[in-house]
Amino acid sequence: MVPHVGTRAGSAALIVARIIMIVAGIVALIIALGILVVVLEANPQNSIVSAIHDAADFLVGPFDGIFTPSNPKVAITVNWGIAIVVYLVVARIVSGLIRRLGAGSAATRTRR
């Protein structure tokens, strides 16, 4: 039995939506590790610590400095934490839209 074209479109949309959520999860994990590196005062001379911090710092660029408490650890925790939430919320919204578009596309094609 040959699958309907709409079924393939829905499956492709589901895959893309999952990829978006996986990438957002990885981004959130990198940022969370960056927060830990700063808060726990990991050795900045260590190449792994440096790589994690640099990657997290790059990913949170637009969110850095939103709030400026006097304690730098609190500033990073708050600002980078906001970045995590925004990345995950936006990914969830985009993922949901793609799933709905894929489901709508599949429903339209199967009705024809």
C-alpha atoms as a PDB file:
ATOM      1  CA  MET A   1       0.000   0.000   0.000  1.00  0.00           C
ATOM      2  CA  VAL A   2       1.397   3.417  -1.014  1.00  0.00           C
ATOM      3  CA  PRO A   3       1.181   6.140   1.665  1.00  0.00           C
ATOM      4  CA  HIS A   4      -0.746   9.300   0.820  1.00  0.00           C
ATOM      5  CA  VAL A   5       1.208  12.415  -0.049  1.00  0.00           C
ATOM      6  CA  GLY A   6      -0.468  14.215   2.852  1.00  0.00           C
ATOM      7  CA  THR A   7       0.807  11.587   5.250  1.00  0.00           C
ATOM      8  CA  ARG A   8       4.358  12.221   4.058  1.00  0.00           C
ATOM      9  CA  ALA A   9       3.919  15.974   4.460  1.00  0.00           C
ATOM     10  CA  GLY A  10       2.599  15.479   7.990  1.00  0.00           C
ATOM     11  CA  SER A  11       5.481  13.169   8.827  1.00  0.00           C
ATOM     12  CA  ALA A  12       8.014  15.641   7.447  1.00  0.00           C
ATOM     13  CA  ALA A  13       6.447  18.434   9.499  1.00  0.00           C
ATOM     14  CA  LEU A  14       6.594  16.281  12.611  1.00  0.00           C
ATOM     15  CA  ILE A  15      10.277  15.537  12.005  1.00  0.00           C
ATOM     16  CA  VAL A  16      11.094  19.226  11.468  1.00  0.00           C
ATOM     17  CA  ALA A  17       9.157  20.141  14.633  1.00  0.00           C
ATOM     18  CA  ARG A  18      11.090  17.550  16.625  1.00  0.00           C
ATOM     19  CA  ILE A  19      14.413  18.781  15.238  1.00  0.00           C
ATOM     20  CA  ILE A  20      13.535  22.326  16.296  1.00  0.00           C
ATOM     21  CA  MET A  21      12.772  21.151  19.840  1.00  0.00           C
ATOM     22  CA  ILE A  22      15.970  19.081  19.996  1.00  0.00           C
ATOM     23  CA  VAL A  23      18.093  22.033  18.846  1.00  0.00           C
ATOM     24  CA  ALA A  24      16.366  24.321  21.372  1.00  0.00           C
ATOM     25  CA  GLY A  25      17.029  21.745  24.084  1.00  0.00           C
ATOM     26  CA  ILE A  26      20.715  21.613  23.172  1.00  0.00           C
ATOM     27  CA  VAL A  27      20.911  25.421  23.167  1.00  0.00           C
ATOM     28  CA  ALA A  28      19.205  25.543  26.586  1.00  0.00           C
ATOM     29  CA  LEU A  29      21.610  22.913  27.922  1.00  0.00           C
ATOM     30  CA  ILE A  30      24.651  24.855  26.707  1.00  0.00           C
ATOM     31  CA  ILE A  31      23.361  28.046  28.325  1.00  0.00           C
ATOM     32  CA  ALA A  32      22.551  26.210  31.580  1.00  0.00           C
ATOM     33  CA  LEU A  33      26.059  24.752  31.620  1.00  0.00           C
ATOM     34  CA  GLY A  34      27.403  28.258  31.032  1.00  0.00           C
ATOM     35  CA  ILE A  35      25.472  29.487  34.056  1.00  0.00           C
ATOM     36  CA  LEU A  36      26.906  26.663  36.155  1.00  0.00           C
ATOM     37  CA  VAL A  37      30.437  27.390  34.970  1.00  0.00           C
ATOM     38  CA  VAL A  38      30.099  30.999  36.124  1.00  0.00           C
ATOM     39  CA  VAL A  39      28.197  30.410  39.354  1.00  0.00           C
ATOM     40  CA  LEU A  40      30.434  27.559  40.495  1.00  0.00           C
ATOM     41  CA  GLU A  41      33.545  29.510  39.456  1.00  0.00           C
ATOM     42  CA  ALA A  42      34.975  26.790  37.232  1.00  0.00           C
ATOM     43  CA  ASN A  43      38.562  27.271  36.094  1.00  0.00           C
ATOM     44  CA  PRO A  44      38.405  29.600  33.058  1.00  0.00           C
ATOM     45  CA  GLN A  45      41.807  28.324  31.901  1.00  0.00           C
ATOM     46  CA  ASN A  46      40.342  24.857  31.302  1.00  0.00           C
ATOM     47  CA  SER A  47      39.571  24.379  27.614  1.00  0.00           C
ATOM     48  CA  ILE A  48      36.213  22.672  28.231  1.00  0.00           C
ATOM     49  CA  VAL A  49      35.087  25.380  30.648  1.00  0.00           C
ATOM     50  CA  SER A  50      36.240  28.061  28.228  1.00  0.00           C
ATOM     51  CA  ALA A  51      34.422  26.437  25.289  1.00  0.00           C
ATOM     52  CA  ILE A  52      31.179  26.097  27.267  1.00  0.00           C
ATOM     53  CA  HIS A  53      31.360  29.695  28.453  1.00  0.00           C
ATOM     54  CA  ASP A  54      32.151  31.034  24.973  1.00  0.00           C
ATOM     55  CA  ALA A  55      29.316  29.047  23.359  1.00  0.00           C
ATOM     56  CA  ALA A  56      26.820  30.132  26.014  1.00  0.00           C
ATOM     57  CA  ASP A  57      27.978  33.738  25.807  1.00  0.00           C
ATOM     58  CA  PHE A  58      27.468  33.690  22.028  1.00  0.00           C
ATOM     59  CA  LEU A  59      23.961  32.204  22.330  1.00  0.00           C
ATOM     60  CA  VAL A  60      22.790  34.725  24.933  1.00  0.00           C
ATOM     61  CA  GLY A  61      24.190  37.799  23.189  1.00  0.00           C
ATOM     62  CA  PRO A  62      20.883  39.689  22.849  1.00  0.00           C
ATOM     63  CA  PHE A  63      19.866  38.833  26.420  1.00  0.00           C
ATOM     64  CA  ASP A  64      23.087  39.864  28.135  1.00  0.00           C
ATOM     65  CA  GLY A  65      22.643  42.969  30.257  1.00  0.00           C
ATOM     66  CA  ILE A  66      18.829  43.022  30.392  1.00  0.00           C
ATOM     67  CA  PHE A  67      19.072  43.218  34.170  1.00  0.00           C
ATOM     68  CA  THR A  68      22.147  44.595  35.916  1.00  0.00           C
ATOM     69  CA  PRO A  69      22.198  43.511  39.551  1.00  0.00           C
ATOM     70  CA  SER A  70      25.381  44.351  41.435  1.00  0.00           C
ATOM     71  CA  ASN A  71      26.356  40.672  41.787  1.00  0.00           C
ATOM     72  CA  PRO A  72      27.740  39.425  38.421  1.00  0.00           C
ATOM     73  CA  LYS A  73      26.720  35.839  39.173  1.00  0.00           C
ATOM     74  CA  VAL A  74      23.134  36.899  39.736  1.00  0.00           C
ATOM     75  CA  ALA A  75      23.228  39.005  36.558  1.00  0.00           C
ATOM     76  CA  ILE A  76      24.369  36.049  34.466  1.00  0.00           C
ATOM     77  CA  THR A  77      21.928  33.664  36.125  1.00  0.00           C
ATOM     78  CA  VAL A  78      18.963  35.980  35.536  1.00  0.00           C
ATOM     79  CA  ASN A  79      19.831  37.182  32.036  1.00  0.00           C
ATOM     80  CA  TRP A  80      20.990  33.831  30.720  1.00  0.00           C
ATOM     81  CA  GLY A  81      18.031  32.143  32.428  1.00  0.00           C
ATOM     82  CA  ILE A  82      15.720  34.470  30.514  1.00  0.00           C
ATOM     83  CA  ALA A  83      17.501  33.416  27.318  1.00  0.00           C
ATOM     84  CA  ILE A  84      16.816  29.743  28.115  1.00  0.00           C
ATOM     85  CA  VAL A  85      13.118  30.433  28.647  1.00  0.00           C
ATOM     86  CA  VAL A  86      12.818  32.511  25.472  1.00  0.00           C
ATOM     87  CA  TYR A  87      14.609  29.921  23.329  1.00  0.00           C
ATOM     88  CA  LEU A  88      12.392  27.121  24.632  1.00  0.00           C
ATOM     89  CA  VAL A  89       9.135  29.092  24.355  1.00  0.00           C
ATOM     90  CA  VAL A  90       9.882  30.286  20.819  1.00  0.00           C
ATOM     91  CA  ALA A  91      10.928  26.786  19.770  1.00  0.00           C
ATOM     92  CA  ARG A  92       7.715  25.367  21.257  1.00  0.00           C
ATOM     93  CA  ILE A  93       5.590  27.917  19.381  1.00  0.00           C
ATOM     94  CA  VAL A  94       7.384  27.392  16.063  1.00  0.00           C
ATOM     95  CA  SER A  95       7.317  23.622  16.520  1.00  0.00           C
ATOM     96  CA  GLY A  96       3.575  23.709  17.231  1.00  0.00           C
ATOM     97  CA  LEU A  97       2.901  25.867  14.175  1.00  0.00           C
ATOM     98  CA  ILE A  98       4.879  23.529  11.953  1.00  0.00           C
ATOM     99  CA  ARG A  99       2.997  20.517  13.339  1.00  0.00           C
ATOM    100  CA  ARG A 100      -0.347  22.215  12.699  1.00  0.00           C
ATOM    101  CA  LEU A 101       0.673  23.243   9.198  1.00  0.00           C
ATOM    102  CA  GLY A 102       1.786  19.696   8.493  1.00  0.00           C
ATOM    103  CA  ALA A 103      -1.433  18.264   9.891  1.00  0.00           C
ATOM    104  CA  GLY A 104      -3.481  20.797   7.912  1.00  0.00           C
ATOM    105  CA  SER A 105      -1.539  19.994   4.781  1.00  0.00           C
ATOM    106  CA  ALA A 106      -2.090  16.285   5.325  1.00  0.00           C
ATOM    107  CA  ALA A 107      -5.814  16.771   5.927  1.00  0.00           C
ATOM    108  CA  THR A 108      -6.192  18.920   2.808  1.00  0.00           C
ATOM    109  CA  ARG A 109      -4.424  16.418   0.602  1.00  0.00           C
ATOM    110  CA  THR A 110      -6.316  13.418   1.908  1.00  0.00           C
ATOM    111  CA  ARG A 111      -9.693  15.110   1.263  1.00  0.00           C
ATOM    112  CA  ARG A 112      -8.972  15.558  -2.422  1.00  0.00           C
END
